[in-house]
Amino acid sequence: MQAARYLVSALLVLVVVAAGPIIPDAIGQTAGGFDHTGTGFPLTGAHRTVDCASCHVSGRFKGTPQPCAACHNGSRAIGKSLGHPSTGDRCEACHTTGRWRNPRYDHAEAIGTCASCHDGRKAPGKHAKHVATIAPCESCHMSTATFALARMNHAGLATNCASCHNGKTATGKPTGHIVTTAACETCHKSTTTFAGARMDHTGISSGCASCHNGKTAMGKPTGHIVTTAACE
């Protein structure tokens, strides 16, 4: 009886060896009919076609580690590349078993500054028309879902407003703005609103009516003395 059992076992081994490695099929079962879902680790995505021995080393089945990083460590399977974003998060927080490329990055476990990844190589960085600044990304960009609607942090900026406020990079002079070559900050003292600017008349001694025409700036009131003389 024992000899018969031994013979059957040997034949089964020969069949398995001849058939090659056991490869999971598209529904999570191995070629031998084993349902891997029952182990608590269903075979999905690229795991469906992985050689069993790549995870079950030396025929070890019980106690096989399940976290992605246990295999995807650069030795047993492909792990983090040298240019991978700095993160302490688990692989599966961003990656799926279907593909490694173009994952949705979870910023909750991000390590380091935004610029350590958003450098134009690992992840999108400053574009060519970005406001000239050395401030950290997070000073203005408050959302990790979109770059839009960033609120510019003007802290420490007191001069050269026109380098950004030129009508392209940021809002510039409107069509009806007072004709002047003075720097923005000469009259605009607030970085939160353009309203309430106080005109600095230093150096202006003629041509008052070019602004004081009732449109650009206050002009003659209705009851003003009738005259064609210059304001000044």
Protein backbone atom coordinates (compact mmCIF):
# COMPACT_ATOMS: atom_id res chain seq x y z
CA MET A 1 0.00 0.00 0.00
CA GLN A 2 2.76 2.42 0.94
CA ALA A 3 4.63 1.57 -2.23
CA ALA A 4 1.51 2.37 -4.28
CA ARG A 5 1.11 5.73 -2.57
CA TYR A 6 4.76 6.54 -3.18
CA LEU A 7 4.37 5.67 -6.85
CA VAL A 8 1.30 7.93 -7.22
CA SER A 9 3.12 10.83 -5.50
CA ALA A 10 6.13 10.40 -7.75
CA LEU A 11 3.94 10.39 -10.84
CA LEU A 12 2.21 13.62 -9.68
CA VAL A 13 5.61 15.27 -9.22
CA LEU A 14 6.65 14.24 -12.71
CA VAL A 15 3.42 15.65 -14.16
CA VAL A 16 3.92 18.99 -12.41
CA VAL A 17 7.57 19.21 -13.48
CA ALA A 18 6.72 18.31 -17.07
CA ALA A 19 3.89 20.83 -17.17
CA GLY A 20 6.17 23.65 -15.99
CA PRO A 21 5.46 26.23 -13.27
CA ILE A 22 1.90 26.59 -12.00
CA ILE A 23 0.56 29.83 -13.47
CA PRO A 24 -2.63 31.42 -12.13
CA ASP A 25 -5.41 31.89 -14.66
CA ALA A 26 -7.61 34.96 -15.24
CA ILE A 27 -10.05 34.16 -12.44
CA GLY A 28 -7.51 33.79 -9.66
CA GLN A 29 -7.19 30.01 -9.77
CA THR A 30 -4.01 28.10 -10.51
CA ALA A 31 -3.75 25.66 -13.37
CA GLY A 32 -4.20 22.93 -10.79
CA GLY A 33 -7.59 24.31 -9.79
CA PHE A 34 -6.50 25.91 -6.51
CA ASP A 35 -8.59 28.95 -5.60
CA HIS A 36 -6.09 31.53 -4.31
CA THR A 37 -8.87 33.85 -3.11
CA GLY A 38 -9.39 31.62 -0.11
CA THR A 39 -5.91 32.50 1.20
CA GLY A 40 -6.94 36.11 1.77
CA PHE A 41 -4.67 37.24 -1.06
CA PRO A 42 -6.68 37.16 -4.31
CA LEU A 43 -4.61 37.14 -7.48
CA THR A 44 -5.44 40.25 -9.48
CA GLY A 45 -3.79 42.26 -12.21
CA ALA A 46 -0.24 41.23 -13.04
CA HIS A 47 -0.24 38.73 -10.16
CA ARG A 48 -2.42 36.42 -12.27
CA THR A 49 0.48 35.46 -14.51
CA VAL A 50 3.34 35.44 -12.00
CA ASP A 51 5.20 32.17 -11.42
CA CYS A 52 4.12 30.78 -8.03
CA ALA A 53 7.75 30.10 -7.09
CA SER A 54 8.57 33.81 -7.31
CA CYS A 55 6.55 34.33 -4.11
CA HIS A 56 6.50 30.83 -2.64
CA VAL A 57 10.25 30.40 -2.39
CA SER A 58 11.50 26.82 -1.87
CA GLY A 59 7.93 25.56 -1.93
CA ARG A 60 6.98 27.57 1.15
CA PHE A 61 3.26 28.35 1.21
CA LYS A 62 2.32 28.99 4.83
CA GLY A 63 3.47 32.34 6.19
CA THR A 64 4.24 33.90 2.81
CA PRO A 65 4.33 37.68 3.43
CA GLN A 66 1.51 39.65 1.81
CA PRO A 67 2.61 43.33 1.91
CA CYS A 68 3.79 44.51 -1.51
CA ALA A 69 7.14 45.71 -0.20
CA ALA A 70 7.93 42.22 1.10
CA CYS A 71 8.43 41.11 -2.51
CA HIS A 72 8.81 44.41 -4.34
CA ASN A 73 12.07 45.23 -2.62
CA GLY A 74 14.41 45.25 -5.60
CA SER A 75 15.66 41.74 -4.88
CA ARG A 76 12.72 39.38 -5.21
CA ALA A 77 10.72 41.70 -7.48
CA ILE A 78 11.06 45.22 -8.88
CA GLY A 79 11.03 47.80 -6.09
CA LYS A 80 11.31 51.58 -5.83
CA SER A 81 13.44 53.14 -8.52
CA LEU A 82 16.20 55.63 -7.67
CA GLY A 83 13.99 58.48 -8.80
CA HIS A 84 10.94 57.36 -6.83
CA PRO A 85 9.20 60.13 -4.83
CA SER A 86 10.16 60.19 -1.17
CA THR A 87 7.39 58.52 0.80
CA GLY A 88 6.88 56.27 3.75
CA ASP A 89 3.54 55.06 2.41
CA ARG A 90 2.74 51.51 1.36
CA CYS A 91 3.06 50.62 -2.34
CA GLU A 92 -0.65 49.82 -2.60
CA ALA A 93 -1.62 53.32 -1.44
CA CYS A 94 -0.73 54.54 -4.94
CA HIS A 95 -0.07 51.51 -7.14
CA THR A 96 -2.47 48.82 -8.33
CA THR A 97 -1.61 45.26 -9.30
CA GLY A 98 -2.57 46.14 -12.86
CA ARG A 99 0.27 48.56 -13.48
CA TRP A 100 3.05 50.46 -11.72
CA ARG A 101 3.20 53.43 -14.08
CA ASN A 102 1.09 56.59 -13.71
CA PRO A 103 -0.25 55.83 -10.22
CA ARG A 104 -2.37 58.27 -8.28
CA TYR A 105 0.02 59.64 -5.69
CA ASP A 106 -1.19 59.82 -2.10
CA HIS A 107 0.31 62.95 -0.56
CA ALA A 108 -0.83 61.98 2.95
CA GLU A 109 2.45 60.17 3.62
CA ALA A 110 4.73 62.46 1.58
CA ILE A 111 8.17 63.01 3.07
CA GLY A 112 10.14 66.19 2.45
CA THR A 113 9.24 69.37 0.59
CA CYS A 114 7.04 69.58 -2.51
CA ALA A 115 10.01 70.60 -4.65
CA SER A 116 11.85 67.40 -3.77
CA CYS A 117 9.46 65.66 -6.20
CA HIS A 118 7.95 68.53 -8.18
CA ASP A 119 11.19 69.31 -9.96
CA GLY A 120 10.06 68.74 -13.53
CA ARG A 121 11.48 65.21 -13.60
CA LYS A 122 9.85 63.07 -10.94
CA ALA A 123 6.68 65.15 -11.06
CA PRO A 124 5.54 68.38 -12.83
CA GLY A 125 7.45 71.42 -11.59
CA LYS A 126 7.37 75.14 -12.35
CA HIS A 127 6.35 75.92 -15.92
CA ALA A 128 8.16 78.47 -18.08
CA LYS A 129 5.72 81.31 -17.22
CA HIS A 130 5.61 80.64 -13.49
CA VAL A 131 5.90 83.68 -11.22
CA ALA A 132 9.56 84.28 -10.44
CA THR A 133 9.99 83.17 -6.84
CA ILE A 134 12.21 81.10 -4.58
CA ALA A 135 9.40 80.56 -2.07
CA PRO A 136 8.50 76.90 -1.32
CA CYS A 137 5.63 75.52 -3.46
CA GLU A 138 3.43 75.12 -0.40
CA SER A 139 3.59 78.87 0.30
CA CYS A 140 1.01 79.44 -2.45
CA HIS A 141 -0.22 76.02 -3.58
CA MET A 142 -2.51 74.80 -0.80
CA SER A 143 -4.07 71.86 -2.66
CA THR A 144 -2.43 68.55 -3.54
CA ALA A 145 -5.19 67.81 -6.06
CA THR A 146 -4.70 70.78 -8.40
CA PHE A 147 -2.20 73.54 -9.16
CA ALA A 148 -5.02 75.92 -10.09
CA LEU A 149 -6.33 78.64 -7.75
CA ALA A 150 -3.02 79.07 -5.98
CA ARG A 151 -2.99 82.10 -3.71
CA MET A 152 0.18 84.11 -4.15
CA ASN A 153 2.05 84.78 -0.93
CA HIS A 154 3.48 88.31 -1.20
CA ALA A 155 5.29 88.15 2.13
CA GLY A 156 8.69 89.77 1.75
CA LEU A 157 7.84 91.35 -1.63
CA ALA A 158 7.91 95.14 -1.56
CA THR A 159 9.30 96.14 -4.95
CA ASN A 160 9.32 95.25 -8.64
CA CYS A 161 5.60 94.33 -8.72
CA ALA A 162 5.54 94.90 -12.49
CA SER A 163 7.85 91.92 -13.06
CA CYS A 164 4.74 89.76 -12.52
CA HIS A 165 1.88 92.25 -12.77
CA ASN A 166 2.40 92.78 -16.50
CA GLY A 167 -0.94 91.52 -17.78
CA LYS A 168 0.51 88.10 -18.68
CA THR A 169 2.01 86.47 -15.62
CA ALA A 170 -0.42 88.30 -13.34
CA THR A 171 -3.04 91.06 -13.65
CA GLY A 172 -1.53 94.33 -14.86
CA LYS A 173 -2.77 97.85 -15.54
CA PRO A 174 -6.37 98.00 -16.83
CA THR A 175 -7.19 99.96 -19.99
CA GLY A 176 -8.40 102.98 -18.02
CA HIS A 177 -5.44 103.11 -15.63
CA ILE A 178 -3.90 106.52 -14.95
CA VAL A 179 -1.06 107.17 -17.39
CA THR A 180 2.11 106.79 -15.37
CA THR A 181 5.54 105.26 -15.46
CA ALA A 182 5.72 105.09 -11.67
CA ALA A 183 6.25 101.70 -10.07
CA CYS A 184 3.07 99.91 -8.93
CA GLU A 185 4.13 100.04 -5.30
CA THR A 186 4.29 103.84 -5.47
CA CYS A 187 0.50 103.98 -5.12
CA HIS A 188 -0.66 100.41 -4.44
CA LYS A 189 0.22 99.57 -0.86
CA SER A 190 -1.93 96.46 -0.49
CA THR A 191 -1.11 93.03 -1.93
CA THR A 192 -4.65 91.74 -1.38
CA THR A 193 -6.55 94.33 -3.45
CA PHE A 194 -5.85 97.00 -6.08
CA ALA A 195 -8.68 99.17 -4.72
CA GLY A 196 -7.95 102.08 -2.39
CA ALA A 197 -4.66 103.01 -4.01
CA ARG A 198 -3.54 106.53 -3.01
CA MET A 199 -2.10 108.47 -5.93
CA ASP A 200 1.33 109.92 -5.31
CA HIS A 201 1.41 113.32 -7.05
CA THR A 202 5.10 113.89 -6.32
CA GLY A 203 6.74 115.46 -9.36
CA ILE A 204 3.43 116.21 -11.13
CA SER A 205 2.92 119.95 -11.71
CA SER A 206 0.96 120.08 -14.96
CA GLY A 207 -1.43 118.09 -17.13
CA CYS A 208 -3.84 117.47 -14.25
CA ALA A 209 -6.82 117.23 -16.61
CA SER A 210 -5.29 114.24 -18.39
CA CYS A 211 -6.41 112.20 -15.37
CA HIS A 212 -8.89 114.49 -13.62
CA ASN A 213 -11.44 114.22 -16.42
CA GLY A 214 -14.30 112.61 -14.48
CA LYS A 215 -13.44 109.15 -15.76
CA THR A 216 -9.89 108.23 -14.81
CA ALA A 217 -10.02 110.47 -11.73
CA MET A 218 -12.41 113.01 -10.24
CA GLY A 219 -12.99 115.96 -12.55
CA LYS A 220 -14.91 119.24 -12.34
CA PRO A 221 -18.11 118.98 -10.31
CA THR A 222 -21.40 120.18 -11.83
CA GLY A 223 -21.28 123.54 -9.99
CA HIS A 224 -17.66 124.31 -10.88
CA ILE A 225 -16.85 127.82 -12.12
CA VAL A 226 -17.00 127.88 -15.89
CA THR A 227 -13.42 128.05 -17.15
CA THR A 228 -11.08 126.60 -19.72
CA ALA A 229 -8.03 127.27 -17.56
CA ALA A 230 -5.85 124.32 -16.59
CA CYS A 231 -6.58 122.81 -13.18
CA GLU A 232 -3.25 123.90 -11.85
